[in-house]
Amino acid sequence: MSLSRFRVRRATTDDFQNLRSLWNFARLPVDELEGRLTEFQLAASADGRLVGAIGVQIVRQHARLHSEAYADDSIADEARQLFWERIQLIASHHGVFRVWTQDNSPFWSRCGFRIVITESLVHLPAEWKQFEGKWYSLQLKNEAALVTLEEELASFRESEKQRTTQTLGQARTLTGIITVICFVIGIALIGFAFYLLVHRNPFR
């Protein structure tokens, strides 16, 4: 089946019956997945027939690919290619750092997913540590670099805030000094004018 005959879109409640059949075919826990319907991306043929589905769950800066199901294994990688293009867009929009899956398909290996060693599981969100089995992960962004950048930006913003507060304080002080000087000058001018008025020569 040609890739051009697939259309990928997000699942809606109208897709539930067709998805149920696909999940049953793939022996997935239908009752559990029903409540997570909107996590799924679907691949459909030109005639509207559902041929594949994949769940994309996002937790903070992490995305988990789960519950893949295909009507025909022979088109699985073709559908995965379209799914992967969509998943990368979703990840970009949500600021995802790392994508996880427990599917060991060679397709995901070709996309750059690597098996996660025990030490690296520290990055796995706590919500997913209940799932048994091996994990494969692909880092999209450097978390450490981004965290450092965010810290530097926060420090810069705080520094700018302090500098602005300091500048405003200096401006208020200068304004106060100028006001006092103007007041003193005004009093002096009034006094001088009064002096001239009192001591003027009426015969001049």
C-alpha atoms as a PDB file:
ATOM      1  CA  MET A   1       0.000   0.000   0.000  1.00  0.00           C
ATOM      2  CA  SER A   2       1.446   3.393  -0.976  1.00  0.00           C
ATOM      3  CA  LEU A   3       2.321   5.988   1.619  1.00  0.00           C
ATOM      4  CA  SER A   4       0.359   8.562  -0.354  1.00  0.00           C
ATOM      5  CA  ARG A   5      -2.809   6.637   0.441  1.00  0.00           C
ATOM      6  CA  PHE A   6      -2.447   7.226   4.183  1.00  0.00           C
ATOM      7  CA  ARG A   7      -3.802  10.156   6.123  1.00  0.00           C
ATOM      8  CA  VAL A   8      -2.730  10.730   9.712  1.00  0.00           C
ATOM      9  CA  ARG A   9      -4.949  12.558  12.186  1.00  0.00           C
ATOM     10  CA  ARG A  10      -5.858  12.706  15.851  1.00  0.00           C
ATOM     11  CA  ALA A  11      -8.507  10.311  17.129  1.00  0.00           C
ATOM     12  CA  THR A  12     -11.983  11.556  18.092  1.00  0.00           C
ATOM     13  CA  THR A  13     -14.852   9.898  19.927  1.00  0.00           C
ATOM     14  CA  ASP A  14     -16.319   8.974  16.539  1.00  0.00           C
ATOM     15  CA  ASP A  15     -13.358   6.635  16.018  1.00  0.00           C
ATOM     16  CA  PHE A  16     -13.921   4.574  19.144  1.00  0.00           C
ATOM     17  CA  GLN A  17     -15.678   1.587  17.565  1.00  0.00           C
ATOM     18  CA  ASN A  18     -13.075   1.225  14.829  1.00  0.00           C
ATOM     19  CA  LEU A  19     -10.302   1.719  17.358  1.00  0.00           C
ATOM     20  CA  ARG A  20     -11.848  -0.885  19.637  1.00  0.00           C
ATOM     21  CA  SER A  21     -11.701  -3.420  16.800  1.00  0.00           C
ATOM     22  CA  LEU A  22      -8.086  -2.532  16.099  1.00  0.00           C
ATOM     23  CA  TRP A  23      -7.141  -2.759  19.782  1.00  0.00           C
ATOM     24  CA  ASN A  24      -8.877  -6.091  20.114  1.00  0.00           C
ATOM     25  CA  PHE A  25      -7.030  -7.345  17.036  1.00  0.00           C
ATOM     26  CA  ALA A  26      -3.732  -6.261  18.622  1.00  0.00           C
ATOM     27  CA  ARG A  27      -4.794  -7.744  22.002  1.00  0.00           C
ATOM     28  CA  LEU A  28      -4.510  -4.421  23.824  1.00  0.00           C
ATOM     29  CA  PRO A  29      -6.450  -3.504  27.009  1.00  0.00           C
ATOM     30  CA  VAL A  30      -9.447  -1.831  25.382  1.00  0.00           C
ATOM     31  CA  ASP A  31     -11.180  -0.728  28.592  1.00  0.00           C
ATOM     32  CA  GLU A  32      -8.014   0.982  29.807  1.00  0.00           C
ATOM     33  CA  LEU A  33      -7.318   2.701  26.516  1.00  0.00           C
ATOM     34  CA  GLU A  34     -10.872   3.928  26.016  1.00  0.00           C
ATOM     35  CA  GLY A  35     -10.345   6.705  28.549  1.00  0.00           C
ATOM     36  CA  ARG A  36      -7.196   7.834  26.716  1.00  0.00           C
ATOM     37  CA  LEU A  37      -8.743   8.022  23.279  1.00  0.00           C
ATOM     38  CA  THR A  38      -7.530  11.538  22.490  1.00  0.00           C
ATOM     39  CA  GLU A  39      -3.878  10.517  23.005  1.00  0.00           C
ATOM     40  CA  PHE A  40      -4.042   8.470  19.820  1.00  0.00           C
ATOM     41  CA  GLN A  41      -2.906   9.346  16.333  1.00  0.00           C
ATOM     42  CA  LEU A  42      -4.590   7.371  13.572  1.00  0.00           C
ATOM     43  CA  ALA A  43      -3.561   6.308  10.068  1.00  0.00           C
ATOM     44  CA  ALA A  44      -6.364   5.752   7.584  1.00  0.00           C
ATOM     45  CA  SER A  45      -6.397   4.611   3.971  1.00  0.00           C
ATOM     46  CA  ALA A  46      -7.862   6.723   1.174  1.00  0.00           C
ATOM     47  CA  ASP A  47     -11.257   5.055   1.611  1.00  0.00           C
ATOM     48  CA  GLY A  48     -11.286   5.974   5.321  1.00  0.00           C
ATOM     49  CA  ARG A  49     -10.416   2.512   6.643  1.00  0.00           C
ATOM     50  CA  LEU A  50      -8.414   2.624   9.880  1.00  0.00           C
ATOM     51  CA  VAL A  51      -5.094   0.842   9.351  1.00  0.00           C
ATOM     52  CA  GLY A  52      -2.987   1.932  12.321  1.00  0.00           C
ATOM     53  CA  ALA A  53      -2.951   3.762  15.638  1.00  0.00           C
ATOM     54  CA  ILE A  54      -0.373   4.882  18.169  1.00  0.00           C
ATOM     55  CA  GLY A  55      -0.729   6.548  21.565  1.00  0.00           C
ATOM     56  CA  VAL A  56       1.330   9.642  22.390  1.00  0.00           C
ATOM     57  CA  GLN A  57       1.259  10.523  26.077  1.00  0.00           C
ATOM     58  CA  ILE A  58       3.027  13.695  27.202  1.00  0.00           C
ATOM     59  CA  VAL A  59       4.185  14.255  30.766  1.00  0.00           C
ATOM     60  CA  ARG A  60       6.029  17.527  31.303  1.00  0.00           C
ATOM     61  CA  GLN A  61       8.981  17.469  28.850  1.00  0.00           C
ATOM     62  CA  HIS A  62       8.652  13.778  27.997  1.00  0.00           C
ATOM     63  CA  ALA A  63       6.552  11.885  25.451  1.00  0.00           C
ATOM     64  CA  ARG A  64       5.715   8.170  25.575  1.00  0.00           C
ATOM     65  CA  LEU A  65       4.755   6.193  22.472  1.00  0.00           C
ATOM     66  CA  HIS A  66       2.483   3.331  23.423  1.00  0.00           C
ATOM     67  CA  SER A  67      -0.187   0.844  22.350  1.00  0.00           C
ATOM     68  CA  GLU A  68       0.748   0.605  18.677  1.00  0.00           C
ATOM     69  CA  ALA A  69      -1.774  -1.346  16.636  1.00  0.00           C
ATOM     70  CA  TYR A  70      -1.898  -2.144  12.917  1.00  0.00           C
ATOM     71  CA  ALA A  71      -4.494  -3.894  10.816  1.00  0.00           C
ATOM     72  CA  ASP A  72      -1.712  -5.356   8.678  1.00  0.00           C
ATOM     73  CA  ASP A  73       1.888  -5.745   9.854  1.00  0.00           C
ATOM     74  CA  SER A  74       3.106  -5.334   6.293  1.00  0.00           C
ATOM     75  CA  ILE A  75       2.231  -1.620   6.333  1.00  0.00           C
ATOM     76  CA  ALA A  76       3.324  -0.966   9.920  1.00  0.00           C
ATOM     77  CA  ASP A  77       6.602   0.775   9.053  1.00  0.00           C
ATOM     78  CA  GLU A  78       4.916   2.903   6.400  1.00  0.00           C
ATOM     79  CA  ALA A  79       2.392   4.075   8.957  1.00  0.00           C
ATOM     80  CA  ARG A  80       5.137   4.545  11.553  1.00  0.00           C
ATOM     81  CA  GLN A  81       6.963   6.901   9.188  1.00  0.00           C
ATOM     82  CA  LEU A  82       3.914   9.155   9.001  1.00  0.00           C
ATOM     83  CA  PHE A  83       3.323   8.826  12.712  1.00  0.00           C
ATOM     84  CA  TRP A  84       6.912   9.790  13.436  1.00  0.00           C
ATOM     85  CA  GLU A  85       6.615  12.958  11.349  1.00  0.00           C
ATOM     86  CA  ARG A  86       3.488  13.914  13.285  1.00  0.00           C
ATOM     87  CA  ILE A  87       5.040  12.965  16.641  1.00  0.00           C
ATOM     88  CA  GLN A  88       8.022  15.242  16.033  1.00  0.00           C
ATOM     89  CA  LEU A  89       5.653  18.156  15.383  1.00  0.00           C
ATOM     90  CA  ILE A  90       3.705  17.379  18.545  1.00  0.00           C
ATOM     91  CA  ALA A  91       6.944  17.129  20.525  1.00  0.00           C
ATOM     92  CA  SER A  92       8.116  20.468  19.172  1.00  0.00           C
ATOM     93  CA  HIS A  93       4.847  22.189  20.075  1.00  0.00           C
ATOM     94  CA  HIS A  94       4.946  20.816  23.624  1.00  0.00           C
ATOM     95  CA  GLY A  95       8.655  21.474  24.254  1.00  0.00           C
ATOM     96  CA  VAL A  96       9.441  17.764  24.655  1.00  0.00           C
ATOM     97  CA  PHE A  97      13.046  16.920  25.580  1.00  0.00           C
ATOM     98  CA  ARG A  98      12.918  13.139  25.252  1.00  0.00           C
ATOM     99  CA  VAL A  99      10.685  10.504  23.614  1.00  0.00           C
ATOM    100  CA  TRP A 100      10.250   7.031  25.111  1.00  0.00           C
ATOM    101  CA  THR A 101       8.872   3.731  23.844  1.00  0.00           C
ATOM    102  CA  GLN A 102       8.872   0.087  24.839  1.00  0.00           C
ATOM    103  CA  ASP A 103       8.384  -1.074  21.264  1.00  0.00           C
ATOM    104  CA  ASN A 104      11.551  -2.767  19.980  1.00  0.00           C
ATOM    105  CA  SER A 105      10.688  -2.392  16.291  1.00  0.00           C
ATOM    106  CA  PRO A 106      13.780  -1.838  14.103  1.00  0.00           C
ATOM    107  CA  PHE A 107      12.005   1.223  12.714  1.00  0.00           C
ATOM    108  CA  TRP A 108      12.434   3.103  15.979  1.00  0.00           C
ATOM    109  CA  SER A 109      16.094   2.084  16.102  1.00  0.00           C
ATOM    110  CA  ARG A 110      16.557   3.592  12.655  1.00  0.00           C
ATOM    111  CA  CYS A 111      14.986   6.794  13.964  1.00  0.00           C
ATOM    112  CA  GLY A 112      17.661   6.995  16.650  1.00  0.00           C
ATOM    113  CA  PHE A 113      15.981   5.330  19.631  1.00  0.00           C
ATOM    114  CA  ARG A 114      18.433   3.462  21.842  1.00  0.00           C
ATOM    115  CA  ILE A 115      17.883   1.020  24.663  1.00  0.00           C
ATOM    116  CA  VAL A 116      18.036   2.752  28.026  1.00  0.00           C
ATOM    117  CA  ILE A 117      20.549   1.456  30.553  1.00  0.00           C
ATOM    118  CA  THR A 118      19.627   1.415  34.224  1.00  0.00           C
ATOM    119  CA  GLU A 119      21.542   4.602  35.056  1.00  0.00           C
ATOM    120  CA  SER A 120      19.638   6.578  32.421  1.00  0.00           C
ATOM    121  CA  LEU A 121      16.237   5.524  33.755  1.00  0.00           C
ATOM    122  CA  VAL A 122      16.604   8.368  36.216  1.00  0.00           C
ATOM    123  CA  HIS A 123      15.191  10.535  33.423  1.00  0.00           C
ATOM    124  CA  LEU A 124      12.064   8.381  33.111  1.00  0.00           C
ATOM    125  CA  PRO A 125       9.032  10.185  34.584  1.00  0.00           C
ATOM    126  CA  ALA A 126       7.751   8.589  37.787  1.00  0.00           C
ATOM    127  CA  GLU A 127       4.332   8.103  36.160  1.00  0.00           C
ATOM    128  CA  TRP A 128       5.812   5.504  33.786  1.00  0.00           C
ATOM    129  CA  LYS A 129       8.059   3.549  36.126  1.00  0.00           C
ATOM    130  CA  GLN A 130       5.183   1.159  36.815  1.00  0.00           C
ATOM    131  CA  PHE A 131       5.502  -0.295  33.311  1.00  0.00           C
ATOM    132  CA  GLU A 132       7.679  -3.389  33.188  1.00  0.00           C
ATOM    133  CA  GLY A 133      10.037  -4.188  30.338  1.00  0.00           C
ATOM    134  CA  LYS A 134      12.831  -2.513  28.434  1.00  0.00           C
ATOM    135  CA  TRP A 135      12.732   1.151  27.496  1.00  0.00           C
ATOM    136  CA  TYR A 136      14.053   2.816  24.357  1.00  0.00           C
ATOM    137  CA  SER A 137      14.644   6.540  24.296  1.00  0.00           C
ATOM    138  CA  LEU A 138      15.532   9.350  21.914  1.00  0.00           C
ATOM    139  CA  GLN A 139      16.781  12.676  23.229  1.00  0.00           C
ATOM    140  CA  LEU A 140      15.434  15.546  21.127  1.00  0.00           C
ATOM    141  CA  LYS A 141      16.975  18.351  23.158  1.00  0.00           C
ATOM    142  CA  ASN A 142      19.804  18.605  25.653  1.00  0.00           C
ATOM    143  CA  GLU A 143      18.001  18.865  29.000  1.00  0.00           C
ATOM    144  CA  ALA A 144      21.098  19.969  30.911  1.00  0.00           C
ATOM    145  CA  ALA A 145      21.904  22.715  28.408  1.00  0.00           C
ATOM    146  CA  LEU A 146      18.310  23.943  28.421  1.00  0.00           C
ATOM    147  CA  VAL A 147      18.139  23.929  32.207  1.00  0.00           C
ATOM    148  CA  THR A 148      21.405  25.892  32.337  1.00  0.00           C
ATOM    149  CA  LEU A 149      20.060  28.334  29.745  1.00  0.00           C
ATOM    150  CA  GLU A 150      16.837  28.791  31.703  1.00  0.00           C
ATOM    151  CA  GLU A 151      18.824  29.394  34.885  1.00  0.00           C
ATOM    152  CA  GLU A 152      21.001  31.945  33.095  1.00  0.00           C
ATOM    153  CA  LEU A 153      17.923  33.670  31.684  1.00  0.00           C
ATOM    154  CA  ALA A 154      16.320  33.738  35.129  1.00  0.00           C
ATOM    155  CA  SER A 155      19.527  35.185  36.591  1.00  0.00           C
ATOM    156  CA  PHE A 156      19.665  37.769  33.789  1.00  0.00           C
ATOM    157  CA  ARG A 157      16.024  38.752  34.360  1.00  0.00           C
ATOM    158  CA  GLU A 158      16.648  39.093  38.104  1.00  0.00           C
ATOM    159  CA  SER A 159      19.766  41.170  37.442  1.00  0.00           C
ATOM    160  CA  GLU A 160      17.831  43.409  35.052  1.00  0.00           C
ATOM    161  CA  LYS A 161      15.048  43.745  37.605  1.00  0.00           C
ATOM    162  CA  GLN A 162      17.520  44.802  40.291  1.00  0.00           C
ATOM    163  CA  ARG A 163      19.219  47.200  37.872  1.00  0.00           C
ATOM    164  CA  THR A 164      15.865  48.722  36.924  1.00  0.00           C
ATOM    165  CA  THR A 165      14.900  49.081  40.595  1.00  0.00           C
ATOM    166  CA  GLN A 166      18.257  50.696  41.323  1.00  0.00           C
ATOM    167  CA  THR A 167      17.895  53.073  38.369  1.00  0.00           C
ATOM    168  CA  LEU A 168      14.381  54.051  39.440  1.00  0.00           C
ATOM    169  CA  GLY A 169      15.638  54.637  42.975  1.00  0.00           C
ATOM    170  CA  GLN A 170      18.438  56.871  41.688  1.00  0.00           C
ATOM    171  CA  ALA A 171      15.964  58.725  39.480  1.00  0.00           C
ATOM    172  CA  ARG A 172      13.630  59.308  42.423  1.00  0.00           C
ATOM    173  CA  THR A 173      16.572  60.544  44.540  1.00  0.00           C
ATOM    174  CA  LEU A 174      17.719  62.881  41.784  1.00  0.00           C
ATOM    175  CA  THR A 175      14.169  64.151  41.308  1.00  0.00           C
ATOM    176  CA  GLY A 176      13.944  64.833  45.029  1.00  0.00           C
ATOM    177  CA  ILE A 177      17.249  66.719  45.032  1.00  0.00           C
ATOM    178  CA  ILE A 178      16.206  68.797  42.017  1.00  0.00           C
ATOM    179  CA  THR A 179      12.862  69.545  43.677  1.00  0.00           C
ATOM    180  CA  VAL A 180      14.608  70.727  46.856  1.00  0.00           C
ATOM    181  CA  ILE A 181      17.059  72.852  44.858  1.00  0.00           C
ATOM    182  CA  CYS A 182      14.235  74.384  42.841  1.00  0.00           C
ATOM    183  CA  PHE A 183      12.328  75.083  46.075  1.00  0.00           C
ATOM    184  CA  VAL A 184      15.357  76.733  47.668  1.00  0.00           C
ATOM    185  CA  ILE A 185      16.005  78.795  44.537  1.00  0.00           C
ATOM    186  CA  GLY A 186      12.348  79.774  44.446  1.00  0.00           C
ATOM    187  CA  ILE A 187      12.429  80.884  48.084  1.00  0.00           C
ATOM    188  CA  ALA A 188      15.651  82.791  47.432  1.00  0.00           C
ATOM    189  CA  LEU A 189      14.152  84.575  44.436  1.00  0.00           C
ATOM    190  CA  ILE A 190      11.038  85.464  46.408  1.00  0.00           C
ATOM    191  CA  GLY A 191      13.253  86.761  49.237  1.00  0.00           C
ATOM    192  CA  PHE A 192      15.369  88.750  46.805  1.00  0.00           C
ATOM    193  CA  ALA A 193      12.298  90.216  45.157  1.00  0.00           C
ATOM    194  CA  PHE A 194      10.905  91.155  48.585  1.00  0.00           C
ATOM    195  CA  TYR A 195      14.253  92.741  49.501  1.00  0.00           C
ATOM    196  CA  LEU A 196      14.223  94.839  46.343  1.00  0.00           C
ATOM    197  CA  LEU A 197      10.645  95.843  46.995  1.00  0.00           C
ATOM    198  CA  VAL A 198      11.426  96.964  50.561  1.00  0.00           C
ATOM    199  CA  HIS A 199      14.703  98.746  49.773  1.00  0.00           C
ATOM    200  CA  ARG A 200      13.880 100.356  46.471  1.00  0.00           C
ATOM    201  CA  ASN A 201      14.576 104.091  46.166  1.00  0.00           C
ATOM    202  CA  PRO A 202      11.235 105.905  45.748  1.00  0.00           C
ATOM    203  CA  PHE A 203      13.035 109.032  44.409  1.00  0.00           C
ATOM    204  CA  ARG A 204      14.939 107.326  41.648  1.00  0.00           C
END
